[in-house]
C-alpha atoms as a PDB file:
ATOM      1  CA  MET A   1    -169.191  24.326 161.794  1.00  0.00           C
ATOM      2  CA  SER A   2    -168.692  20.619 162.451  1.00  0.00           C
ATOM      3  CA  TRP A   3    -165.010  20.629 161.485  1.00  0.00           C
ATOM      4  CA  ASP A   4    -164.272  23.444 163.926  1.00  0.00           C
ATOM      5  CA  ALA A   5    -165.578  21.255 166.721  1.00  0.00           C
ATOM      6  CA  ALA A   6    -163.443  18.359 165.453  1.00  0.00           C
ATOM      7  CA  GLY A   7    -160.419  20.506 164.647  1.00  0.00           C
ATOM      8  CA  LYS A   8    -158.252  19.713 167.663  1.00  0.00           C
ATOM      9  CA  TRP A   9    -158.963  15.993 167.370  1.00  0.00           C
ATOM     10  CA  TYR A  10    -158.121  15.996 163.647  1.00  0.00           C
ATOM     11  CA  ASP A  11    -154.951  18.015 164.165  1.00  0.00           C
ATOM     12  CA  GLN A  12    -153.766  15.514 166.761  1.00  0.00           C
ATOM     13  CA  CYS A  13    -154.559  12.572 164.451  1.00  0.00           C
ATOM     14  CA  VAL A  14    -152.657  14.023 161.496  1.00  0.00           C
ATOM     15  CA  GLY A  15    -149.801  15.771 163.314  1.00  0.00           C
ATOM     16  CA  LYS A  16    -147.009  17.619 161.576  1.00  0.00           C
ATOM     17  CA  GLU A  17    -145.896  14.702 159.389  1.00  0.00           C
ATOM     18  CA  GLY A  18    -149.305  13.166 158.666  1.00  0.00           C
ATOM     19  CA  HIS A  19    -150.794   9.917 159.947  1.00  0.00           C
ATOM     20  CA  TYR A  20    -149.546   6.500 158.849  1.00  0.00           C
ATOM     21  CA  TYR A  21    -151.272   6.453 155.462  1.00  0.00           C
ATOM     22  CA  HIS A  22    -150.281  10.047 154.728  1.00  0.00           C
ATOM     23  CA  GLN A  23    -146.663   9.051 155.127  1.00  0.00           C
ATOM     24  CA  SER A  24    -146.704   5.594 153.547  1.00  0.00           C
ATOM     25  CA  LEU A  25    -149.119   6.063 150.630  1.00  0.00           C
ATOM     26  CA  ILE A  26    -150.869   9.362 150.134  1.00  0.00           C
ATOM     27  CA  LEU A  27    -148.215  12.081 150.208  1.00  0.00           C
ATOM     28  CA  PRO A  28    -145.520  10.199 148.231  1.00  0.00           C
ATOM     29  CA  ASN A  29    -148.026   9.274 145.521  1.00  0.00           C
ATOM     30  CA  MET A  30    -149.512  12.767 145.361  1.00  0.00           C
ATOM     31  CA  ILE A  31    -146.073  14.310 144.909  1.00  0.00           C
ATOM     32  CA  ARG A  32    -145.313  11.781 142.164  1.00  0.00           C
ATOM     33  CA  LEU A  33    -148.565  12.460 140.311  1.00  0.00           C
ATOM     34  CA  LEU A  34    -148.664  16.245 140.664  1.00  0.00           C
ATOM     35  CA  LYS A  35    -145.053  16.610 139.430  1.00  0.00           C
ATOM     36  CA  LEU A  36    -144.836  20.122 140.827  1.00  0.00           C
ATOM     37  CA  LYS A  37    -141.983  22.171 139.446  1.00  0.00           C
ATOM     38  CA  PRO A  38    -140.180  24.557 141.842  1.00  0.00           C
ATOM     39  CA  GLN A  39    -142.002  27.702 140.690  1.00  0.00           C
ATOM     40  CA  GLU A  40    -145.457  26.250 140.068  1.00  0.00           C
ATOM     41  CA  SER A  41    -148.615  27.068 142.013  1.00  0.00           C
ATOM     42  CA  LEU A  42    -150.953  24.717 143.904  1.00  0.00           C
ATOM     43  CA  LEU A  43    -154.489  25.266 145.182  1.00  0.00           C
ATOM     44  CA  ASP A  44    -155.287  22.855 148.034  1.00  0.00           C
ATOM     45  CA  LEU A  45    -159.041  22.664 148.616  1.00  0.00           C
ATOM     46  CA  GLY A  46    -160.096  21.384 152.023  1.00  0.00           C
ATOM     47  CA  CYS A  47    -156.492  21.740 153.143  1.00  0.00           C
ATOM     48  CA  GLY A  48    -157.114  21.041 156.830  1.00  0.00           C
ATOM     49  CA  GLN A  49    -154.017  21.842 158.839  1.00  0.00           C
ATOM     50  CA  GLY A  50    -151.807  21.971 155.750  1.00  0.00           C
ATOM     51  CA  VAL A  51    -150.146  18.558 155.752  1.00  0.00           C
ATOM     52  CA  LEU A  52    -149.644  18.622 151.970  1.00  0.00           C
ATOM     53  CA  GLN A  53    -147.887  21.997 152.002  1.00  0.00           C
ATOM     54  CA  ARG A  54    -145.188  20.584 154.221  1.00  0.00           C
ATOM     55  CA  SER A  55    -144.344  17.966 151.573  1.00  0.00           C
ATOM     56  CA  ILE A  56    -144.095  20.057 148.398  1.00  0.00           C
ATOM     57  CA  PRO A  57    -141.117  22.154 147.216  1.00  0.00           C
ATOM     58  CA  LYS A  58    -140.769  25.258 149.389  1.00  0.00           C
ATOM     59  CA  THR A  59    -140.502  27.449 146.297  1.00  0.00           C
ATOM     60  CA  CYS A  60    -143.998  26.495 145.077  1.00  0.00           C
ATOM     61  CA  GLN A  61    -146.765  29.048 145.498  1.00  0.00           C
ATOM     62  CA  TYR A  62    -149.237  27.355 147.815  1.00  0.00           C
ATOM     63  CA  VAL A  63    -152.783  28.439 148.655  1.00  0.00           C
ATOM     64  CA  GLY A  64    -154.816  26.353 151.075  1.00  0.00           C
ATOM     65  CA  VAL A  65    -158.581  26.743 151.504  1.00  0.00           C
ATOM     66  CA  ASP A  66    -160.660  25.345 154.336  1.00  0.00           C
ATOM     67  CA  ALA A  67    -163.989  26.037 156.047  1.00  0.00           C
ATOM     68  CA  SER A  68    -162.592  25.397 159.539  1.00  0.00           C
ATOM     69  CA  LYS A  69    -160.964  28.308 161.338  1.00  0.00           C
ATOM     70  CA  GLU A  70    -159.644  25.867 163.924  1.00  0.00           C
ATOM     71  CA  LEU A  71    -157.738  23.855 161.334  1.00  0.00           C
ATOM     72  CA  LEU A  72    -156.488  26.940 159.511  1.00  0.00           C
ATOM     73  CA  ALA A  73    -155.103  28.310 162.764  1.00  0.00           C
ATOM     74  CA  ALA A  74    -153.207  25.050 163.244  1.00  0.00           C
ATOM     75  CA  ALA A  75    -151.962  25.192 159.637  1.00  0.00           C
ATOM     76  CA  LYS A  76    -150.573  28.701 160.010  1.00  0.00           C
ATOM     77  CA  LYS A  77    -148.530  27.667 163.046  1.00  0.00           C
ATOM     78  CA  ILE A  78    -146.624  24.880 161.307  1.00  0.00           C
ATOM     79  CA  SER A  79    -146.926  25.519 157.547  1.00  0.00           C
ATOM     80  CA  GLN A  80    -145.893  28.093 154.978  1.00  0.00           C
ATOM     81  CA  GLY A  81    -148.054  29.562 152.213  1.00  0.00           C
ATOM     82  CA  ASP A  82    -151.378  31.376 152.172  1.00  0.00           C
ATOM     83  CA  PHE A  83    -154.343  29.932 154.047  1.00  0.00           C
ATOM     84  CA  ILE A  84    -157.832  31.219 153.314  1.00  0.00           C
ATOM     85  CA  PHE A  85    -161.050  30.684 155.237  1.00  0.00           C
ATOM     86  CA  ALA A  86    -163.721  29.807 152.656  1.00  0.00           C
ATOM     87  CA  ASP A  87    -166.207  27.186 151.535  1.00  0.00           C
ATOM     88  CA  ALA A  88    -164.681  25.283 148.602  1.00  0.00           C
ATOM     89  CA  CYS A  89    -168.186  24.727 147.193  1.00  0.00           C
ATOM     90  CA  GLN A  90    -168.762  28.464 146.719  1.00  0.00           C
ATOM     91  CA  ASN A  91    -166.968  31.240 144.853  1.00  0.00           C
ATOM     92  CA  LEU A  92    -163.559  31.730 146.436  1.00  0.00           C
ATOM     93  CA  PRO A  93    -162.060  35.088 147.443  1.00  0.00           C
ATOM     94  CA  ILE A  94    -159.077  34.325 145.199  1.00  0.00           C
ATOM     95  CA  GLU A  95    -158.331  36.373 142.089  1.00  0.00           C
ATOM     96  CA  LYS A  96    -155.782  33.966 140.640  1.00  0.00           C
ATOM     97  CA  LYS A  97    -157.300  31.918 137.803  1.00  0.00           C
ATOM     98  CA  ASP A  98    -154.166  30.280 136.471  1.00  0.00           C
ATOM     99  CA  PHE A  99    -153.019  27.796 139.076  1.00  0.00           C
ATOM    100  CA  ASP A 100    -150.786  25.074 137.678  1.00  0.00           C
ATOM    101  CA  ALA A 101    -152.421  22.444 139.884  1.00  0.00           C
ATOM    102  CA  ALA A 102    -155.227  21.926 142.381  1.00  0.00           C
ATOM    103  CA  CYS A 103    -156.127  19.036 144.628  1.00  0.00           C
ATOM    104  CA  PHE A 104    -158.550  17.542 147.114  1.00  0.00           C
ATOM    105  CA  LEU A 105    -156.640  15.424 149.632  1.00  0.00           C
ATOM    106  CA  LEU A 106    -159.293  13.229 151.306  1.00  0.00           C
ATOM    107  CA  SER A 107    -161.475  16.331 151.527  1.00  0.00           C
ATOM    108  CA  LEU A 108    -163.943  16.095 148.646  1.00  0.00           C
ATOM    109  CA  GLN A 109    -165.977  13.389 150.384  1.00  0.00           C
ATOM    110  CA  ASN A 110    -166.474  15.796 153.291  1.00  0.00           C
ATOM    111  CA  MET A 111    -168.165  18.309 150.967  1.00  0.00           C
ATOM    112  CA  GLU A 112    -171.911  18.089 150.409  1.00  0.00           C
ATOM    113  CA  HIS A 113    -171.689  19.442 146.859  1.00  0.00           C
ATOM    114  CA  PRO A 114    -168.626  17.870 145.201  1.00  0.00           C
ATOM    115  CA  ASP A 115    -169.877  18.905 141.766  1.00  0.00           C
ATOM    116  CA  LYS A 116    -169.693  22.565 142.784  1.00  0.00           C
ATOM    117  CA  ALA A 117    -166.292  22.101 144.426  1.00  0.00           C
ATOM    118  CA  ILE A 118    -164.848  20.548 141.263  1.00  0.00           C
ATOM    119  CA  ALA A 119    -166.337  23.378 139.169  1.00  0.00           C
ATOM    120  CA  ILE A 120    -164.689  25.921 141.481  1.00  0.00           C
ATOM    121  CA  ALA A 121    -161.346  24.098 141.242  1.00  0.00           C
ATOM    122  CA  SER A 122    -161.524  24.043 137.441  1.00  0.00           C
ATOM    123  CA  SER A 123    -162.305  27.768 137.297  1.00  0.00           C
ATOM    124  CA  HIS A 124    -159.027  28.537 139.084  1.00  0.00           C
ATOM    125  CA  LEU A 125    -156.860  26.308 136.856  1.00  0.00           C
ATOM    126  CA  LYS A 126    -155.012  27.449 133.771  1.00  0.00           C
ATOM    127  CA  LYS A 127    -155.446  25.561 130.499  1.00  0.00           C
ATOM    128  CA  GLY A 128    -153.397  22.406 130.912  1.00  0.00           C
ATOM    129  CA  GLY A 129    -153.575  22.674 134.711  1.00  0.00           C
ATOM    130  CA  ARG A 130    -153.881  19.455 136.720  1.00  0.00           C
ATOM    131  CA  LEU A 131    -156.546  18.506 139.243  1.00  0.00           C
ATOM    132  CA  LEU A 132    -155.867  15.579 141.565  1.00  0.00           C
ATOM    133  CA  LEU A 133    -158.587  13.908 143.633  1.00  0.00           C
ATOM    134  CA  VAL A 134    -157.615  11.550 146.426  1.00  0.00           C
ATOM    135  CA  LEU A 135    -160.615   9.697 147.847  1.00  0.00           C
ATOM    136  CA  ASN A 136    -161.397   6.949 150.254  1.00  0.00           C
ATOM    137  CA  HIS A 137    -162.243   4.387 147.596  1.00  0.00           C
ATOM    138  CA  PRO A 138    -165.940   4.998 146.811  1.00  0.00           C
ATOM    139  CA  CYS A 139    -166.434   1.454 145.522  1.00  0.00           C
ATOM    140  CA  PHE A 140    -165.223  -0.311 148.657  1.00  0.00           C
ATOM    141  CA  ARG A 141    -164.976   2.132 151.580  1.00  0.00           C
ATOM    142  CA  ILE A 142    -168.300   3.717 152.462  1.00  0.00           C
ATOM    143  CA  PRO A 143    -168.629   4.620 156.161  1.00  0.00           C
ATOM    144  CA  ARG A 144    -171.356   2.603 157.899  1.00  0.00           C
ATOM    145  CA  GLN A 145    -172.277   0.978 154.590  1.00  0.00           C
ATOM    146  CA  SER A 146    -169.290  -1.308 154.019  1.00  0.00           C
ATOM    147  CA  ASP A 147    -167.334  -3.714 156.194  1.00  0.00           C
ATOM    148  CA  TRP A 148    -165.319  -6.910 156.247  1.00  0.00           C
ATOM    149  CA  GLY A 149    -166.863 -10.366 156.363  1.00  0.00           C
ATOM    150  CA  PHE A 150    -165.394 -13.864 156.516  1.00  0.00           C
ATOM    151  CA  ASP A 151    -166.597 -16.854 154.523  1.00  0.00           C
ATOM    152  CA  GLU A 152    -165.906 -19.910 156.662  1.00  0.00           C
ATOM    153  CA  ARG A 153    -166.524 -22.377 153.820  1.00  0.00           C
ATOM    154  CA  SER A 154    -164.043 -20.839 151.379  1.00  0.00           C
ATOM    155  CA  LYS A 155    -161.767 -19.346 154.068  1.00  0.00           C
ATOM    156  CA  LEU A 156    -161.833 -15.969 152.355  1.00  0.00           C
ATOM    157  CA  GLN A 157    -162.248 -12.490 153.720  1.00  0.00           C
ATOM    158  CA  TYR A 158    -164.616 -10.417 151.625  1.00  0.00           C
ATOM    159  CA  ARG A 159    -165.870  -6.855 151.470  1.00  0.00           C
ATOM    160  CA  ARG A 160    -169.575  -6.318 152.071  1.00  0.00           C
ATOM    161  CA  MET A 161    -171.292  -3.297 150.456  1.00  0.00           C
ATOM    162  CA  ASN A 162    -174.796  -2.347 151.578  1.00  0.00           C
ATOM    163  CA  VAL A 163    -175.266   0.508 149.091  1.00  0.00           C
ATOM    164  CA  TYR A 164    -173.267   2.001 146.250  1.00  0.00           C
ATOM    165  CA  MET A 165    -175.191   3.839 143.524  1.00  0.00           C
ATOM    166  CA  THR A 166    -177.249   6.016 145.849  1.00  0.00           C
ATOM    167  CA  PRO A 167    -175.504   9.172 147.153  1.00  0.00           C
ATOM    168  CA  GLN A 168    -175.260   9.145 150.935  1.00  0.00           C
ATOM    169  CA  ARG A 169    -174.948  11.712 153.731  1.00  0.00           C
ATOM    170  CA  ILE A 170    -173.330   9.797 156.573  1.00  0.00           C
ATOM    171  CA  PRO A 171    -172.717  11.193 160.078  1.00  0.00           C
ATOM    172  CA  ILE A 172    -169.293  10.440 161.516  1.00  0.00           C
ATOM    173  CA  GLN A 173    -168.627  10.637 165.230  1.00  0.00           C
ATOM    174  CA  THR A 174    -165.097  11.703 166.116  1.00  0.00           C
ATOM    175  CA  ASN A 175    -163.513  10.297 169.269  1.00  0.00           C
ATOM    176  CA  PRO A 176    -166.162   7.526 169.455  1.00  0.00           C
ATOM    177  CA  GLY A 177    -164.693   6.213 172.679  1.00  0.00           C
ATOM    178  CA  ARG A 178    -165.271   9.523 174.456  1.00  0.00           C
ATOM    179  CA  ALA A 179    -168.835  10.460 173.555  1.00  0.00           C
ATOM    180  CA  GLU A 180    -168.972  13.466 175.861  1.00  0.00           C
ATOM    181  CA  LYS A 181    -166.206  15.152 173.872  1.00  0.00           C
ATOM    182  CA  SER A 182    -167.179  13.958 170.436  1.00  0.00           C
ATOM    183  CA  ALA A 183    -168.129  16.074 167.451  1.00  0.00           C
ATOM    184  CA  THR A 184    -170.147  14.997 164.429  1.00  0.00           C
ATOM    185  CA  THR A 185    -168.853  15.500 160.906  1.00  0.00           C
ATOM    186  CA  TYR A 186    -170.337  14.167 157.673  1.00  0.00           C
ATOM    187  CA  SER A 187    -169.089  12.011 154.853  1.00  0.00           C
ATOM    188  CA  PHE A 188    -170.840  12.313 151.486  1.00  0.00           C
ATOM    189  CA  HIS A 189    -170.701   9.248 149.264  1.00  0.00           C
ATOM    190  CA  GLN A 190    -170.966   9.415 145.477  1.00  0.00           C
ATOM    191  CA  PRO A 191    -170.560   6.517 143.026  1.00  0.00           C
ATOM    192  CA  LEU A 192    -167.474   6.651 140.833  1.00  0.00           C
ATOM    193  CA  SER A 193    -169.504   7.494 137.749  1.00  0.00           C
ATOM    194  CA  ASN A 194    -170.651  10.730 139.386  1.00  0.00           C
ATOM    195  CA  TYR A 195    -167.089  11.875 140.050  1.00  0.00           C
ATOM    196  CA  ILE A 196    -166.175  11.213 136.423  1.00  0.00           C
ATOM    197  CA  SER A 197    -169.226  13.176 135.314  1.00  0.00           C
ATOM    198  CA  PHE A 198    -168.321  16.118 137.582  1.00  0.00           C
ATOM    199  CA  LEU A 199    -164.863  16.248 136.000  1.00  0.00           C
ATOM    200  CA  THR A 200    -165.889  15.974 132.362  1.00  0.00           C
ATOM    201  CA  LYS A 201    -168.625  18.599 132.748  1.00  0.00           C
ATOM    202  CA  ASN A 202    -165.958  21.059 133.874  1.00  0.00           C
ATOM    203  CA  SER A 203    -163.521  20.637 130.976  1.00  0.00           C
ATOM    204  CA  LEU A 204    -161.342  18.165 132.879  1.00  0.00           C
ATOM    205  CA  VAL A 205    -160.033  15.102 131.050  1.00  0.00           C
ATOM    206  CA  ILE A 206    -158.850  12.143 133.119  1.00  0.00           C
ATOM    207  CA  THR A 207    -155.191  11.342 132.468  1.00  0.00           C
ATOM    208  CA  SER A 208    -154.562   8.813 135.236  1.00  0.00           C
ATOM    209  CA  MET A 209    -156.483   6.759 137.775  1.00  0.00           C
ATOM    210  CA  GLU A 210    -154.790   4.690 140.471  1.00  0.00           C
ATOM    211  CA  GLU A 211    -156.008   2.483 143.320  1.00  0.00           C
ATOM    212  CA  TRP A 212    -153.834   2.328 146.433  1.00  0.00           C
ATOM    213  CA  CYS A 213    -153.975  -0.649 148.762  1.00  0.00           C
ATOM    214  CA  SER A 214    -153.104  -0.684 152.423  1.00  0.00           C
ATOM    215  CA  ASP A 215    -149.570  -1.886 153.099  1.00  0.00           C
ATOM    216  CA  LYS A 216    -150.264  -2.909 156.690  1.00  0.00           C
ATOM    217  CA  LYS A 217    -149.713  -6.495 157.787  1.00  0.00           C
ATOM    218  CA  SER A 218    -151.889  -8.605 160.073  1.00  0.00           C
ATOM    219  CA  GLU A 219    -150.869 -10.950 162.835  1.00  0.00           C
ATOM    220  CA  GLY A 220    -152.559 -14.088 164.079  1.00  0.00           C
ATOM    221  CA  ALA A 221    -154.242 -17.152 162.601  1.00  0.00           C
ATOM    222  CA  ARG A 222    -155.883 -15.311 159.696  1.00  0.00           C
ATOM    223  CA  SER A 223    -152.989 -13.008 158.871  1.00  0.00           C
ATOM    224  CA  LYS A 224    -152.361 -14.386 155.357  1.00  0.00           C
ATOM    225  CA  ILE A 225    -156.061 -14.251 154.523  1.00  0.00           C
ATOM    226  CA  GLU A 226    -156.400 -10.684 155.796  1.00  0.00           C
ATOM    227  CA  ASP A 227    -153.234  -9.523 154.009  1.00  0.00           C
ATOM    228  CA  ARG A 228    -154.516 -11.007 150.743  1.00  0.00           C
ATOM    229  CA  ALA A 229    -157.875  -9.250 151.152  1.00  0.00           C
ATOM    230  CA  ARG A 230    -156.167  -5.891 151.723  1.00  0.00           C
ATOM    231  CA  LEU A 231    -154.456  -6.234 148.350  1.00  0.00           C
ATOM    232  CA  GLU A 232    -157.742  -7.044 146.619  1.00  0.00           C
ATOM    233  CA  PHE A 233    -159.830  -4.160 148.005  1.00  0.00           C
ATOM    234  CA  PRO A 234    -158.057  -0.800 147.627  1.00  0.00           C
ATOM    235  CA  LEU A 235    -158.222   1.735 150.420  1.00  0.00           C
ATOM    236  CA  PHE A 236    -157.771   4.877 148.315  1.00  0.00           C
ATOM    237  CA  LEU A 237    -158.563   6.025 144.771  1.00  0.00           C
ATOM    238  CA  SER A 238    -156.697   8.807 142.970  1.00  0.00           C
ATOM    239  CA  ILE A 239    -157.960  10.525 139.822  1.00  0.00           C
ATOM    240  CA  LEU A 240    -155.683  12.925 137.951  1.00  0.00           C
ATOM    241  CA  SER A 241    -157.231  15.150 135.300  1.00  0.00           C
ATOM    242  CA  GLU A 242    -156.146  17.986 133.024  1.00  0.00           C
ATOM    243  CA  LYS A 243    -158.082  21.105 132.053  1.00  0.00           C
ATOM    244  CA  ILE A 244    -158.639  21.441 128.307  1.00  0.00           C
END
């Protein structure tokens, strides 16, 4: 599997505490939105090496699912909870059907069939259970199909999008500077309307949607222009829904 080949690289990138955006944006906002109570249960689909588990209350029942044995092995070394080797787009070997919450932390866009993954997540939630999606913003951040540009006349930095409505299967090379040791993973783009459709078709009603901008700061002659552009084009999108 592609993520097994990239497992060591990914584990090093994320580390025990998460990378920069995990720490500054993603994990604090996920904890705020999920509102996990001490005895609640969480199903983490595409859990990787378990970075979310290390941020939630230790008394929560946590189950992490991933299709990479390499990443699950790393998770078990530094995280608590149950970690299960499975494809989140297929029926899971989990009997529990009443999780209080489930989530996809930057993992859904690595799954070729997000509609099936969301259906699986819904099937394991209790009535009133919450599902949280955290995505690289599908409107502005499509690998190989979006980038920054600069308009010299208006002195503005803009975001160029080559495609949007058409679903994409995009190869991603890890460790691009060291081709001989690189592995190829895939990112699967869907327009926002598709994600909303996947949720509503599975008895999930959207209760909150947030766009998170990068908080990094530039240096140099164009720093103010670049900082302004970062605040206009969000890096991440979160969608919180509830099962009815």
